[in-house]
C-alpha atoms as a PDB file:
ATOM      1  CA  UNK A   1     -43.868  71.549   0.613  1.00  0.00           C
ATOM      2  CA  UNK A   2     -42.582  69.050   3.417  1.00  0.00           C
ATOM      3  CA  UNK A   3     -46.240  67.719   3.590  1.00  0.00           C
ATOM      4  CA  UNK A   4     -46.144  66.542  -0.242  1.00  0.00           C
ATOM      5  CA  UNK A   5     -42.594  64.934  -0.091  1.00  0.00           C
ATOM      6  CA  UNK A   6     -44.101  63.433   3.178  1.00  0.00           C
ATOM      7  CA  UNK A   7     -47.223  62.126   1.463  1.00  0.00           C
ATOM      8  CA  UNK A   8     -44.991  61.180  -1.983  1.00  0.00           C
ATOM      9  CA  UNK A   9     -42.829  59.155   0.358  1.00  0.00           C
ATOM     10  CA  UNK A  10     -45.611  57.216   1.908  1.00  0.00           C
ATOM     11  CA  UNK A  11     -47.087  56.240  -1.283  1.00  0.00           C
ATOM     12  CA  UNK A  12     -43.743  54.954  -2.582  1.00  0.00           C
ATOM     13  CA  UNK A  13     -43.633  52.642   0.563  1.00  0.00           C
ATOM     14  CA  UNK A  14     -47.083  51.392  -0.055  1.00  0.00           C
ATOM     15  CA  UNK A  15     -46.220  50.718  -3.746  1.00  0.00           C
ATOM     16  CA  UNK A  16     -42.755  49.280  -2.912  1.00  0.00           C
ATOM     17  CA  UNK A  17     -44.565  46.524  -0.875  1.00  0.00           C
ATOM     18  CA  UNK A  18     -46.839  45.641  -3.507  1.00  0.00           C
ATOM     19  CA  UNK A  19     -43.834  44.747  -5.503  1.00  0.00           C
ATOM     20  CA  UNK A  20     -43.685  41.013  -6.908  1.00  0.00           C
ATOM     21  CA  UNK A  21     -39.837  40.863  -5.982  1.00  0.00           C
ATOM     22  CA  UNK A  22     -38.173  37.829  -7.841  1.00  0.00           C
ATOM     23  CA  UNK A  23     -36.902  34.960  -5.833  1.00  0.00           C
ATOM     24  CA  UNK A  24     -33.280  34.767  -5.430  1.00  0.00           C
ATOM     25  CA  UNK A  25     -32.547  32.150  -8.152  1.00  0.00           C
ATOM     26  CA  UNK A  26     -35.047  33.845 -10.478  1.00  0.00           C
ATOM     27  CA  UNK A  27     -32.767  36.698 -10.246  1.00  0.00           C
ATOM     28  CA  UNK A  28     -29.116  34.433 -10.607  1.00  0.00           C
ATOM     29  CA  UNK A  29     -30.699  32.963 -13.689  1.00  0.00           C
ATOM     30  CA  UNK A  30     -31.771  36.285 -14.909  1.00  0.00           C
ATOM     31  CA  UNK A  31     -28.673  37.574 -14.454  1.00  0.00           C
ATOM     32  CA  UNK A  32     -27.030  35.045 -16.340  1.00  0.00           C
ATOM     33  CA  UNK A  33     -28.867  35.384 -19.298  1.00  0.00           C
ATOM     34  CA  UNK A  34     -28.156  39.031 -19.431  1.00  0.00           C
ATOM     35  CA  UNK A  35     -24.463  38.182 -19.390  1.00  0.00           C
ATOM     36  CA  UNK A  36     -24.401  35.631 -21.649  1.00  0.00           C
ATOM     37  CA  UNK A  37     -26.618  37.695 -24.214  1.00  0.00           C
ATOM     38  CA  UNK A  38     -24.177  40.857 -23.661  1.00  0.00           C
ATOM     39  CA  UNK A  39     -21.297  38.552 -24.184  1.00  0.00           C
ATOM     40  CA  UNK A  40     -22.746  36.940 -27.606  1.00  0.00           C
ATOM     41  CA  UNK A  41     -23.315  40.475 -28.647  1.00  0.00           C
ATOM     42  CA  UNK A  42     -19.938  41.626 -27.850  1.00  0.00           C
ATOM     43  CA  UNK A  43     -18.096  38.829 -29.710  1.00  0.00           C
ATOM     44  CA  UNK A  44     -20.741  39.336 -32.584  1.00  0.00           C
ATOM     45  CA  UNK A  45     -19.703  43.333 -32.952  1.00  0.00           C
ATOM     46  CA  UNK A  46     -16.053  42.326 -32.675  1.00  0.00           C
ATOM     47  CA  UNK A  47     -15.960  40.135 -35.343  1.00  0.00           C
ATOM     48  CA  UNK A  48     -18.299  42.186 -37.791  1.00  0.00           C
ATOM     49  CA  UNK A  49     -15.829  44.910 -36.633  1.00  0.00           C
ATOM     50  CA  UNK A  50     -13.062  43.123 -37.975  1.00  0.00           C
ATOM     51  CA  UNK A  51     -14.373  41.943 -40.936  1.00  0.00           C
ATOM     52  CA  UNK A  52     -15.285  45.812 -42.125  1.00  0.00           C
ATOM     53  CA  UNK A  53     -11.816  46.644 -40.675  1.00  0.00           C
ATOM     54  CA  UNK A  54     -10.098  44.132 -43.315  1.00  0.00           C
ATOM     55  CA  UNK A  55     -12.956  45.169 -46.023  1.00  0.00           C
ATOM     56  CA  UNK A  56     -11.998  48.654 -45.957  1.00  0.00           C
ATOM     57  CA  UNK A  57      -8.064  48.033 -46.068  1.00  0.00           C
ATOM     58  CA  UNK A  58      -8.489  46.342 -49.168  1.00  0.00           C
ATOM     59  CA  UNK A  59     -10.287  48.949 -50.525  1.00  0.00           C
ATOM     60  CA  UNK A  60      -7.860  51.525 -49.820  1.00  0.00           C
END
């Protein structure tokens, strides 16, 4: 069992060395895009929720 775990960790190390890691600038720009899109969706959902709330209040 320990041999399987050891072999697995060796394979993980080999695969991790093959990963093409993004540069700091690529990572920063991707993070900014994710944050902006998340905020845009949050604002959109906020407004849609308020519209539905007002519509339901008018019905009842």
